[in-house]
Amino acid sequence: MAGNNARWPYTFQTDAPRMLEQMREGEICTLFIDVQDQDFGRYQAKLSSERDAHGPLRFLDWPRCFADQGTPSRFLGYCRP
């Protein structure tokens, strides 16, 4: 496979300070969230109240960089600032 494209599931229920630390340590640069995930209710508080027609604009301190065409969108992507 060309390039470095490691993907894996992550438990977004981790407390926010620890989660940010783990993402920095793991050199994670993009988060992809399925808002229809069965556990979404447990971590949706990490999403900002600031939103547009697609959904929240931030996850913790990361800005949204992708939303599918739905309104609201099912899939949201957040990229390291």
N, C-alpha and C. Protein backbone atom coordinates (compact mmCIF):
# COMPACT_ATOMS: atom_id res chain seq x y z
N MET A 1 0.84 -1.17 0.00
CA MET A 1 0.00 0.00 0.00
C MET A 1 0.89 1.24 0.00
N ALA A 2 0.58 2.18 -0.83
CA ALA A 2 1.38 3.42 -0.92
C ALA A 2 1.01 4.37 0.20
N GLY A 3 2.00 5.03 0.76
CA GLY A 3 1.75 6.04 1.80
C GLY A 3 1.44 5.43 3.15
N ASN A 4 1.19 6.31 4.10
CA ASN A 4 0.86 5.87 5.46
C ASN A 4 -0.61 6.17 5.71
N ASN A 5 -1.45 5.17 5.65
CA ASN A 5 -2.88 5.35 5.77
C ASN A 5 -3.43 4.37 6.80
N ALA A 6 -2.97 4.49 8.03
CA ALA A 6 -3.42 3.59 9.09
C ALA A 6 -4.81 4.02 9.54
N ARG A 7 -5.72 3.07 9.61
CA ARG A 7 -7.07 3.34 10.08
C ARG A 7 -7.45 2.30 11.13
N TRP A 8 -8.12 2.75 12.18
CA TRP A 8 -8.58 1.81 13.19
C TRP A 8 -9.71 2.44 13.99
N PRO A 9 -10.60 1.60 14.56
CA PRO A 9 -11.67 2.13 15.40
C PRO A 9 -11.10 2.63 16.72
N TYR A 10 -11.74 3.63 17.29
CA TYR A 10 -11.26 4.23 18.54
C TYR A 10 -12.46 4.48 19.44
N THR A 11 -12.27 4.29 20.74
CA THR A 11 -13.34 4.53 21.71
C THR A 11 -13.39 6.02 22.04
N PHE A 12 -14.33 6.72 21.46
CA PHE A 12 -14.47 8.16 21.67
C PHE A 12 -15.00 8.49 23.06
N GLN A 13 -15.30 7.49 23.86
CA GLN A 13 -15.82 7.71 25.21
C GLN A 13 -14.71 8.04 26.19
N THR A 14 -13.47 7.91 25.79
CA THR A 14 -12.33 8.27 26.63
C THR A 14 -12.48 9.72 27.06
N ASP A 15 -12.07 10.06 28.31
CA ASP A 15 -12.21 11.44 28.75
C ASP A 15 -11.40 12.35 27.84
N ALA A 16 -11.88 13.59 27.66
CA ALA A 16 -11.33 14.51 26.65
C ALA A 16 -9.83 14.76 26.78
N PRO A 17 -9.29 15.09 27.96
CA PRO A 17 -7.85 15.35 28.03
C PRO A 17 -7.02 14.13 27.61
N ARG A 18 -7.41 12.94 28.06
CA ARG A 18 -6.67 11.72 27.70
C ARG A 18 -6.80 11.43 26.21
N MET A 19 -7.99 11.64 25.67
CA MET A 19 -8.21 11.39 24.25
C MET A 19 -7.32 12.29 23.40
N LEU A 20 -7.26 13.58 23.71
CA LEU A 20 -6.41 14.50 22.96
C LEU A 20 -4.94 14.09 23.06
N GLU A 21 -4.52 13.64 24.25
CA GLU A 21 -3.15 13.19 24.44
C GLU A 21 -2.85 11.97 23.57
N GLN A 22 -3.77 11.00 23.58
CA GLN A 22 -3.57 9.78 22.79
C GLN A 22 -3.54 10.08 21.30
N MET A 23 -4.36 11.02 20.87
CA MET A 23 -4.37 11.37 19.44
C MET A 23 -3.05 12.04 19.05
N ARG A 24 -2.52 12.89 19.92
CA ARG A 24 -1.22 13.51 19.65
C ARG A 24 -0.12 12.45 19.60
N GLU A 25 -0.11 11.57 20.60
CA GLU A 25 0.91 10.52 20.66
C GLU A 25 0.83 9.58 19.47
N GLY A 26 -0.37 9.28 19.02
CA GLY A 26 -0.56 8.36 17.90
C GLY A 26 -0.47 9.03 16.55
N GLU A 27 -0.17 10.31 16.54
CA GLU A 27 -0.06 11.08 15.32
C GLU A 27 -1.32 10.97 14.46
N ILE A 28 -2.46 10.92 15.12
CA ILE A 28 -3.75 10.87 14.42
C ILE A 28 -4.02 12.26 13.85
N CYS A 29 -4.45 12.33 12.61
CA CYS A 29 -4.70 13.64 12.01
C CYS A 29 -6.14 13.80 11.53
N THR A 30 -6.93 12.73 11.53
CA THR A 30 -8.32 12.83 11.11
C THR A 30 -9.19 11.90 11.96
N LEU A 31 -10.35 12.41 12.38
CA LEU A 31 -11.34 11.61 13.08
C LEU A 31 -12.56 11.51 12.18
N PHE A 32 -13.13 10.33 12.09
CA PHE A 32 -14.31 10.11 11.26
C PHE A 32 -15.41 9.58 12.18
N ILE A 33 -16.53 10.29 12.24
CA ILE A 33 -17.60 9.94 13.16
C ILE A 33 -18.88 9.58 12.41
N ASP A 34 -19.46 8.44 12.77
CA ASP A 34 -20.76 8.01 12.27
C ASP A 34 -21.78 8.36 13.34
N VAL A 35 -22.60 9.36 13.11
CA VAL A 35 -23.53 9.80 14.15
C VAL A 35 -24.66 8.79 14.38
N GLN A 36 -24.72 7.74 13.55
CA GLN A 36 -25.69 6.67 13.79
C GLN A 36 -25.07 5.48 14.52
N ASP A 37 -23.81 5.63 14.94
CA ASP A 37 -23.15 4.60 15.73
C ASP A 37 -23.94 4.36 17.01
N GLN A 38 -24.07 3.12 17.43
CA GLN A 38 -24.87 2.81 18.61
C GLN A 38 -24.36 3.47 19.88
N ASP A 39 -23.08 3.81 19.96
CA ASP A 39 -22.52 4.46 21.15
C ASP A 39 -22.42 5.98 21.02
N PHE A 40 -22.94 6.54 19.94
CA PHE A 40 -22.81 7.98 19.70
C PHE A 40 -23.32 8.82 20.87
N GLY A 41 -24.39 8.43 21.50
CA GLY A 41 -24.94 9.19 22.62
C GLY A 41 -23.98 9.35 23.78
N ARG A 42 -23.03 8.44 23.91
CA ARG A 42 -22.08 8.48 25.03
C ARG A 42 -20.97 9.51 24.83
N TYR A 43 -20.74 9.93 23.60
CA TYR A 43 -19.65 10.88 23.39
C TYR A 43 -20.07 12.13 22.61
N GLN A 44 -21.34 12.28 22.31
CA GLN A 44 -21.76 13.44 21.53
C GLN A 44 -21.51 14.77 22.24
N ALA A 45 -21.32 14.76 23.56
CA ALA A 45 -21.02 15.99 24.29
C ALA A 45 -19.66 16.57 23.88
N LYS A 46 -18.80 15.77 23.26
CA LYS A 46 -17.50 16.28 22.80
C LYS A 46 -17.63 17.11 21.52
N LEU A 47 -18.80 17.06 20.90
CA LEU A 47 -19.06 17.85 19.71
C LEU A 47 -19.57 19.23 20.13
N SER A 48 -19.16 20.25 19.40
CA SER A 48 -19.53 21.62 19.77
C SER A 48 -21.02 21.87 19.54
N SER A 49 -21.53 22.85 20.25
CA SER A 49 -22.92 23.28 20.01
C SER A 49 -22.99 24.15 18.76
N GLU A 50 -21.86 24.68 18.32
CA GLU A 50 -21.80 25.46 17.09
C GLU A 50 -21.96 24.51 15.91
N ARG A 51 -22.94 24.77 15.05
CA ARG A 51 -23.23 23.83 13.97
C ARG A 51 -23.73 24.55 12.74
N ASP A 52 -23.78 23.80 11.65
CA ASP A 52 -24.43 24.27 10.43
C ASP A 52 -25.44 23.19 10.04
N ALA A 53 -25.93 23.24 8.82
CA ALA A 53 -26.97 22.28 8.40
C ALA A 53 -26.48 20.84 8.41
N HIS A 54 -25.16 20.63 8.33
CA HIS A 54 -24.61 19.27 8.33
C HIS A 54 -24.36 18.73 9.72
N GLY A 55 -24.16 19.61 10.70
CA GLY A 55 -23.91 19.14 12.06
C GLY A 55 -22.85 19.98 12.76
N PRO A 56 -22.34 19.47 13.89
CA PRO A 56 -21.36 20.21 14.69
C PRO A 56 -20.10 20.57 13.90
N LEU A 57 -19.57 21.76 14.18
CA LEU A 57 -18.40 22.26 13.46
C LEU A 57 -17.08 21.85 14.11
N ARG A 58 -17.11 21.36 15.35
CA ARG A 58 -15.88 20.96 16.02
C ARG A 58 -16.11 19.68 16.84
N PHE A 59 -15.03 18.91 16.99
CA PHE A 59 -14.98 17.77 17.91
C PHE A 59 -13.81 18.05 18.82
N LEU A 60 -14.08 18.25 20.10
CA LEU A 60 -13.07 18.75 21.03
C LEU A 60 -12.49 20.02 20.42
N ASP A 61 -11.21 20.10 20.17
CA ASP A 61 -10.67 21.35 19.58
C ASP A 61 -10.33 21.19 18.10
N TRP A 62 -10.85 20.15 17.46
CA TRP A 62 -10.55 19.91 16.05
C TRP A 62 -11.69 20.42 15.17
N PRO A 63 -11.40 21.20 14.12
CA PRO A 63 -12.45 21.69 13.23
C PRO A 63 -12.94 20.59 12.28
N ARG A 64 -14.19 20.72 11.87
CA ARG A 64 -14.73 19.76 10.91
C ARG A 64 -14.14 20.03 9.54
N CYS A 65 -13.74 18.97 8.86
CA CYS A 65 -13.15 19.09 7.53
C CYS A 65 -13.91 18.27 6.49
N PHE A 66 -14.96 17.57 6.91
CA PHE A 66 -15.76 16.78 5.97
C PHE A 66 -17.15 16.57 6.56
N ALA A 67 -18.14 16.59 5.70
CA ALA A 67 -19.50 16.16 6.03
C ALA A 67 -20.11 15.60 4.76
N ASP A 68 -20.87 14.51 4.87
CA ASP A 68 -21.50 14.00 3.67
C ASP A 68 -22.63 14.96 3.25
N GLN A 69 -23.31 14.65 2.19
CA GLN A 69 -24.28 15.58 1.61
C GLN A 69 -25.59 15.68 2.40
N GLY A 70 -25.80 14.80 3.37
CA GLY A 70 -27.04 14.84 4.14
C GLY A 70 -27.16 16.09 4.99
N THR A 71 -28.38 16.43 5.36
CA THR A 71 -28.61 17.56 6.27
C THR A 71 -29.64 17.13 7.31
N PRO A 72 -29.23 16.71 8.49
CA PRO A 72 -27.84 16.64 8.93
C PRO A 72 -27.11 15.45 8.31
N SER A 73 -25.80 15.51 8.34
CA SER A 73 -24.97 14.46 7.76
C SER A 73 -24.85 13.29 8.72
N ARG A 74 -24.74 12.10 8.15
CA ARG A 74 -24.49 10.92 8.98
C ARG A 74 -23.01 10.82 9.32
N PHE A 75 -22.14 11.12 8.35
CA PHE A 75 -20.70 10.98 8.53
C PHE A 75 -20.05 12.35 8.61
N LEU A 76 -19.24 12.54 9.66
CA LEU A 76 -18.54 13.80 9.88
C LEU A 76 -17.06 13.52 10.08
N GLY A 77 -16.24 14.33 9.48
CA GLY A 77 -14.79 14.20 9.64
C GLY A 77 -14.24 15.44 10.30
N TYR A 78 -13.28 15.24 11.20
CA TYR A 78 -12.62 16.34 11.90
C TYR A 78 -11.12 16.17 11.73
N CYS A 79 -10.42 17.26 11.43
CA CYS A 79 -8.98 17.20 11.14
C CYS A 79 -8.19 17.98 12.17
N ARG A 80 -7.02 17.45 12.49
CA ARG A 80 -6.15 18.14 13.45
C ARG A 80 -5.84 19.54 12.94
N PRO A 81 -6.01 20.54 13.81
CA PRO A 81 -5.74 21.93 13.37
C PRO A 81 -4.26 22.15 13.10
